[in-house]
Amino acid sequence: MHVYHYAAYERTHLLPLATRHGVGEEDVDDLLRAGVPVDLYPIVRKALVVGSHST
């Protein structure tokens, strides 16, 4: 299973949110360690080509 997201916000804040609310810390940690969240930002950044005129 993968959970796709864009940019690091979700991955950065998921465990602190679980810890703050006291629910699912171990489950979130397991998901993060297993690489379930997939950040699409670096993939899109490497794939995007922008053409421009040179002068």
PDB file of N, CA and C in Angstrom:
ATOM      1  N   MET A   1       0.847  -1.167   0.000  1.00  0.00           N
ATOM      2  CA  MET A   1       0.000   0.000   0.000  1.00  0.00           C
ATOM      3  C   MET A   1       0.894   1.231   0.000  1.00  0.00           C
ATOM      4  N   HIS A   2       0.471   2.252  -0.736  1.00  0.00           N
ATOM      5  CA  HIS A   2       1.144   3.542  -0.720  1.00  0.00           C
ATOM      6  C   HIS A   2       0.111   4.636  -0.525  1.00  0.00           C
ATOM      7  N   VAL A   3       0.518   5.668   0.159  1.00  0.00           N
ATOM      8  CA  VAL A   3      -0.305   6.862   0.307  1.00  0.00           C
ATOM      9  C   VAL A   3       0.483   7.986  -0.346  1.00  0.00           C
ATOM     10  N   TYR A   4      -0.036   8.486  -1.456  1.00  0.00           N
ATOM     11  CA  TYR A   4       0.665   9.522  -2.200  1.00  0.00           C
ATOM     12  C   TYR A   4       0.279  10.895  -1.670  1.00  0.00           C
ATOM     13  N   HIS A   5       1.278  11.744  -1.530  1.00  0.00           N
ATOM     14  CA  HIS A   5       1.041  13.111  -1.077  1.00  0.00           C
ATOM     15  C   HIS A   5       2.020  14.016  -1.795  1.00  0.00           C
ATOM     16  N   TYR A   6       1.825  15.299  -1.661  1.00  0.00           N
ATOM     17  CA  TYR A   6       2.660  16.268  -2.361  1.00  0.00           C
ATOM     18  C   TYR A   6       3.314  17.181  -1.335  1.00  0.00           C
ATOM     19  N   ALA A   7       4.628  17.127  -1.266  1.00  0.00           N
ATOM     20  CA  ALA A   7       5.475  17.886  -0.340  1.00  0.00           C
ATOM     21  C   ALA A   7       5.565  17.149   1.002  1.00  0.00           C
ATOM     22  N   ALA A   8       6.406  17.639   1.864  1.00  0.00           N
ATOM     23  CA  ALA A   8       6.768  16.895   3.076  1.00  0.00           C
ATOM     24  C   ALA A   8       5.857  17.149   4.268  1.00  0.00           C
ATOM     25  N   TYR A   9       4.856  18.000   4.126  1.00  0.00           N
ATOM     26  CA  TYR A   9       4.030  18.366   5.277  1.00  0.00           C
ATOM     27  C   TYR A   9       3.421  17.145   5.961  1.00  0.00           C
ATOM     28  N   GLU A  10       2.797  16.279   5.192  1.00  0.00           N
ATOM     29  CA  GLU A  10       2.090  15.136   5.777  1.00  0.00           C
ATOM     30  C   GLU A  10       3.040  14.233   6.553  1.00  0.00           C
ATOM     31  N   ARG A  11       4.154  13.886   5.921  1.00  0.00           N
ATOM     32  CA  ARG A  11       5.111  12.990   6.574  1.00  0.00           C
ATOM     33  C   ARG A  11       5.708  13.636   7.827  1.00  0.00           C
ATOM     34  N   THR A  12       5.974  14.915   7.754  1.00  0.00           N
ATOM     35  CA  THR A  12       6.588  15.631   8.866  1.00  0.00           C
ATOM     36  C   THR A  12       5.651  15.741  10.061  1.00  0.00           C
ATOM     37  N   HIS A  13       4.366  15.900   9.811  1.00  0.00           N
ATOM     38  CA  HIS A  13       3.428  16.183  10.895  1.00  0.00           C
ATOM     39  C   HIS A  13       2.582  15.007  11.349  1.00  0.00           C
ATOM     40  N   LEU A  14       2.636  13.901  10.653  1.00  0.00           N
ATOM     41  CA  LEU A  14       1.775  12.769  10.991  1.00  0.00           C
ATOM     42  C   LEU A  14       2.091  12.180  12.367  1.00  0.00           C
ATOM     43  N   LEU A  15       3.354  11.886  12.644  1.00  0.00           N
ATOM     44  CA  LEU A  15       3.720  11.293  13.936  1.00  0.00           C
ATOM     45  C   LEU A  15       3.514  12.272  15.094  1.00  0.00           C
ATOM     46  N   PRO A  16       3.918  13.548  14.967  1.00  0.00           N
ATOM     47  CA  PRO A  16       3.624  14.470  16.067  1.00  0.00           C
ATOM     48  C   PRO A  16       2.124  14.618  16.362  1.00  0.00           C
ATOM     49  N   LEU A  17       1.294  14.570  15.325  1.00  0.00           N
ATOM     50  CA  LEU A  17      -0.158  14.638  15.549  1.00  0.00           C
ATOM     51  C   LEU A  17      -0.657  13.414  16.306  1.00  0.00           C
ATOM     52  N   ALA A  18      -0.182  12.245  15.909  1.00  0.00           N
ATOM     53  CA  ALA A  18      -0.591  11.014  16.596  1.00  0.00           C
ATOM     54  C   ALA A  18      -0.127  11.033  18.048  1.00  0.00           C
ATOM     55  N   THR A  19       1.086  11.532  18.271  1.00  0.00           N
ATOM     56  CA  THR A  19       1.624  11.599  19.633  1.00  0.00           C
ATOM     57  C   THR A  19       0.836  12.596  20.472  1.00  0.00           C
ATOM     58  N   ARG A  20       0.527  13.748  19.896  1.00  0.00           N
ATOM     59  CA  ARG A  20      -0.211  14.781  20.635  1.00  0.00           C
ATOM     60  C   ARG A  20      -1.577  14.278  21.079  1.00  0.00           C
ATOM     61  N   HIS A  21      -2.244  13.503  20.219  1.00  0.00           N
ATOM     62  CA  HIS A  21      -3.590  13.024  20.535  1.00  0.00           C
ATOM     63  C   HIS A  21      -3.585  11.650  21.198  1.00  0.00           C
ATOM     64  N   GLY A  22      -2.409  11.035  21.281  1.00  0.00           N
ATOM     65  CA  GLY A  22      -2.296   9.761  21.981  1.00  0.00           C
ATOM     66  C   GLY A  22      -2.972   8.597  21.289  1.00  0.00           C
ATOM     67  N   VAL A  23      -3.055   8.655  19.957  1.00  0.00           N
ATOM     68  CA  VAL A  23      -3.739   7.605  19.208  1.00  0.00           C
ATOM     69  C   VAL A  23      -2.872   7.155  18.040  1.00  0.00           C
ATOM     70  N   GLY A  24      -2.576   5.865  17.976  1.00  0.00           N
ATOM     71  CA  GLY A  24      -1.941   5.275  16.805  1.00  0.00           C
ATOM     72  C   GLY A  24      -0.482   5.599  16.579  1.00  0.00           C
ATOM     73  N   GLU A  25       0.251   5.965  17.632  1.00  0.00           N
ATOM     74  CA  GLU A  25       1.661   6.308  17.443  1.00  0.00           C
ATOM     75  C   GLU A  25       2.453   5.170  16.809  1.00  0.00           C
ATOM     76  N   GLU A  26       2.244   3.973  17.317  1.00  0.00           N
ATOM     77  CA  GLU A  26       2.986   2.811  16.788  1.00  0.00           C
ATOM     78  C   GLU A  26       2.582   2.506  15.350  1.00  0.00           C
ATOM     79  N   ASP A  27       1.311   2.626  15.054  1.00  0.00           N
ATOM     80  CA  ASP A  27       0.836   2.366  13.692  1.00  0.00           C
ATOM     81  C   ASP A  27       1.417   3.379  12.709  1.00  0.00           C
ATOM     82  N   VAL A  28       1.408   4.644  13.082  1.00  0.00           N
ATOM     83  CA  VAL A  28       1.971   5.684  12.226  1.00  0.00           C
ATOM     84  C   VAL A  28       3.462   5.456  12.038  1.00  0.00           C
ATOM     85  N   ASP A  29       4.153   5.134  13.116  1.00  0.00           N
ATOM     86  CA  ASP A  29       5.590   4.868  13.032  1.00  0.00           C
ATOM     87  C   ASP A  29       5.868   3.697  12.093  1.00  0.00           C
ATOM     88  N   ASP A  30       5.078   2.645  12.198  1.00  0.00           N
ATOM     89  CA  ASP A  30       5.246   1.487  11.306  1.00  0.00           C
ATOM     90  C   ASP A  30       5.030   1.872   9.844  1.00  0.00           C
ATOM     91  N   LEU A  31       4.002   2.682   9.579  1.00  0.00           N
ATOM     92  CA  LEU A  31       3.732   3.116   8.208  1.00  0.00           C
ATOM     93  C   LEU A  31       4.878   3.960   7.653  1.00  0.00           C
ATOM     94  N   LEU A  32       5.394   4.868   8.475  1.00  0.00           N
ATOM     95  CA  LEU A  32       6.506   5.708   8.033  1.00  0.00           C
ATOM     96  C   LEU A  32       7.756   4.874   7.756  1.00  0.00           C
ATOM     97  N   ARG A  33       8.050   3.934   8.626  1.00  0.00           N
ATOM     98  CA  ARG A  33       9.232   3.075   8.443  1.00  0.00           C
ATOM     99  C   ARG A  33       9.092   2.157   7.227  1.00  0.00           C
ATOM    100  N   ALA A  34       7.861   1.780   6.902  1.00  0.00           N
ATOM    101  CA  ALA A  34       7.625   0.890   5.763  1.00  0.00           C
ATOM    102  C   ALA A  34       7.609   1.633   4.433  1.00  0.00           C
ATOM    103  N   GLY A  35       7.685   2.960   4.491  1.00  0.00           N
ATOM    104  CA  GLY A  35       7.699   3.735   3.259  1.00  0.00           C
ATOM    105  C   GLY A  35       6.347   3.862   2.590  1.00  0.00           C
ATOM    106  N   VAL A  36       5.285   3.768   3.371  1.00  0.00           N
ATOM    107  CA  VAL A  36       3.938   3.861   2.809  1.00  0.00           C
ATOM    108  C   VAL A  36       3.653   5.246   2.230  1.00  0.00           C
ATOM    109  N   PRO A  37       3.995   6.334   2.948  1.00  0.00           N
ATOM    110  CA  PRO A  37       3.768   7.653   2.347  1.00  0.00           C
ATOM    111  C   PRO A  37       4.797   7.915   1.239  1.00  0.00           C
ATOM    112  N   VAL A  38       4.321   8.260   0.070  1.00  0.00           N
ATOM    113  CA  VAL A  38       5.197   8.530  -1.071  1.00  0.00           C
ATOM    114  C   VAL A  38       5.028   9.990  -1.461  1.00  0.00           C
ATOM    115  N   ASP A  39       6.116  10.745  -1.330  1.00  0.00           N
ATOM    116  CA  ASP A  39       6.083  12.169  -1.657  1.00  0.00           C
ATOM    117  C   ASP A  39       6.251  12.338  -3.159  1.00  0.00           C
ATOM    118  N   LEU A  40       5.251  12.900  -3.806  1.00  0.00           N
ATOM    119  CA  LEU A  40       5.283  13.094  -5.255  1.00  0.00           C
ATOM    120  C   LEU A  40       6.069  14.331  -5.676  1.00  0.00           C
ATOM    121  N   TYR A  41       6.360  15.241  -4.746  1.00  0.00           N
ATOM    122  CA  TYR A  41       7.047  16.479  -5.099  1.00  0.00           C
ATOM    123  C   TYR A  41       8.387  16.238  -5.801  1.00  0.00           C
ATOM    124  N   PRO A  42       9.307  15.425  -5.253  1.00  0.00           N
ATOM    125  CA  PRO A  42      10.579  15.232  -5.955  1.00  0.00           C
ATOM    126  C   PRO A  42      10.411  14.521  -7.296  1.00  0.00           C
ATOM    127  N   ILE A  43       9.415  13.680  -7.409  1.00  0.00           N
ATOM    128  CA  ILE A  43       9.166  12.971  -8.664  1.00  0.00           C
ATOM    129  C   ILE A  43       8.705  13.951  -9.735  1.00  0.00           C
ATOM    130  N   VAL A  44       7.762  14.816  -9.374  1.00  0.00           N
ATOM    131  CA  VAL A  44       7.257  15.813 -10.320  1.00  0.00           C
ATOM    132  C   VAL A  44       8.354  16.813 -10.662  1.00  0.00           C
ATOM    133  N   ARG A  45       9.119  17.203  -9.685  1.00  0.00           N
ATOM    134  CA  ARG A  45      10.183  18.188  -9.906  1.00  0.00           C
ATOM    135  C   ARG A  45      11.219  17.677 -10.894  1.00  0.00           C
ATOM    136  N   LYS A  46      11.584  16.411 -10.803  1.00  0.00           N
ATOM    137  CA  LYS A  46      12.561  15.832 -11.722  1.00  0.00           C
ATOM    138  C   LYS A  46      11.971  15.592 -13.102  1.00  0.00           C
ATOM    139  N   ALA A  47      10.669  15.409 -13.187  1.00  0.00           N
ATOM    140  CA  ALA A  47      10.032  15.073 -14.455  1.00  0.00           C
ATOM    141  C   ALA A  47       9.608  16.285 -15.263  1.00  0.00           C
ATOM    142  N   LEU A  48       9.493  17.425 -14.618  1.00  0.00           N
ATOM    143  CA  LEU A  48       8.984  18.615 -15.279  1.00  0.00           C
ATOM    144  C   LEU A  48      10.100  19.329 -16.030  1.00  0.00           C
ATOM    145  N   VAL A  49       9.855  19.612 -17.307  1.00  0.00           N
ATOM    146  CA  VAL A  49      10.812  20.340 -18.136  1.00  0.00           C
ATOM    147  C   VAL A  49      10.107  21.592 -18.651  1.00  0.00           C
ATOM    148  N   VAL A  50      10.761  22.729 -18.434  1.00  0.00           N
ATOM    149  CA  VAL A  50      10.178  23.998 -18.867  1.00  0.00           C
ATOM    150  C   VAL A  50      11.075  24.570 -19.950  1.00  0.00           C
ATOM    151  N   GLY A  51      10.486  24.844 -21.095  1.00  0.00           N
ATOM    152  CA  GLY A  51      11.249  25.431 -22.184  1.00  0.00           C
ATOM    153  C   GLY A  51      11.147  26.945 -22.174  1.00  0.00           C
ATOM    154  N   SER A  52      12.229  27.594 -22.529  1.00  0.00           N
ATOM    155  CA  SER A  52      12.187  29.050 -22.630  1.00  0.00           C
ATOM    156  C   SER A  52      13.149  29.488 -23.722  1.00  0.00           C
ATOM    157  N   HIS A  53      12.881  30.643 -24.289  1.00  0.00           N
ATOM    158  CA  HIS A  53      13.754  31.180 -25.331  1.00  0.00           C
ATOM    159  C   HIS A  53      15.009  31.774 -24.704  1.00  0.00           C
ATOM    160  N   SER A  54      16.136  31.540 -25.324  1.00  0.00           N
ATOM    161  CA  SER A  54      17.356  32.175 -24.836  1.00  0.00           C
ATOM    162  C   SER A  54      17.653  33.381 -25.719  1.00  0.00           C
ATOM    163  N   THR A  55      18.241  34.380 -25.132  1.00  0.00           N
ATOM    164  CA  THR A  55      18.545  35.595 -25.906  1.00  0.00           C
ATOM    165  C   THR A  55      20.014  35.779 -26.081  1.00  0.00           C
TER     166      THR A  55
END
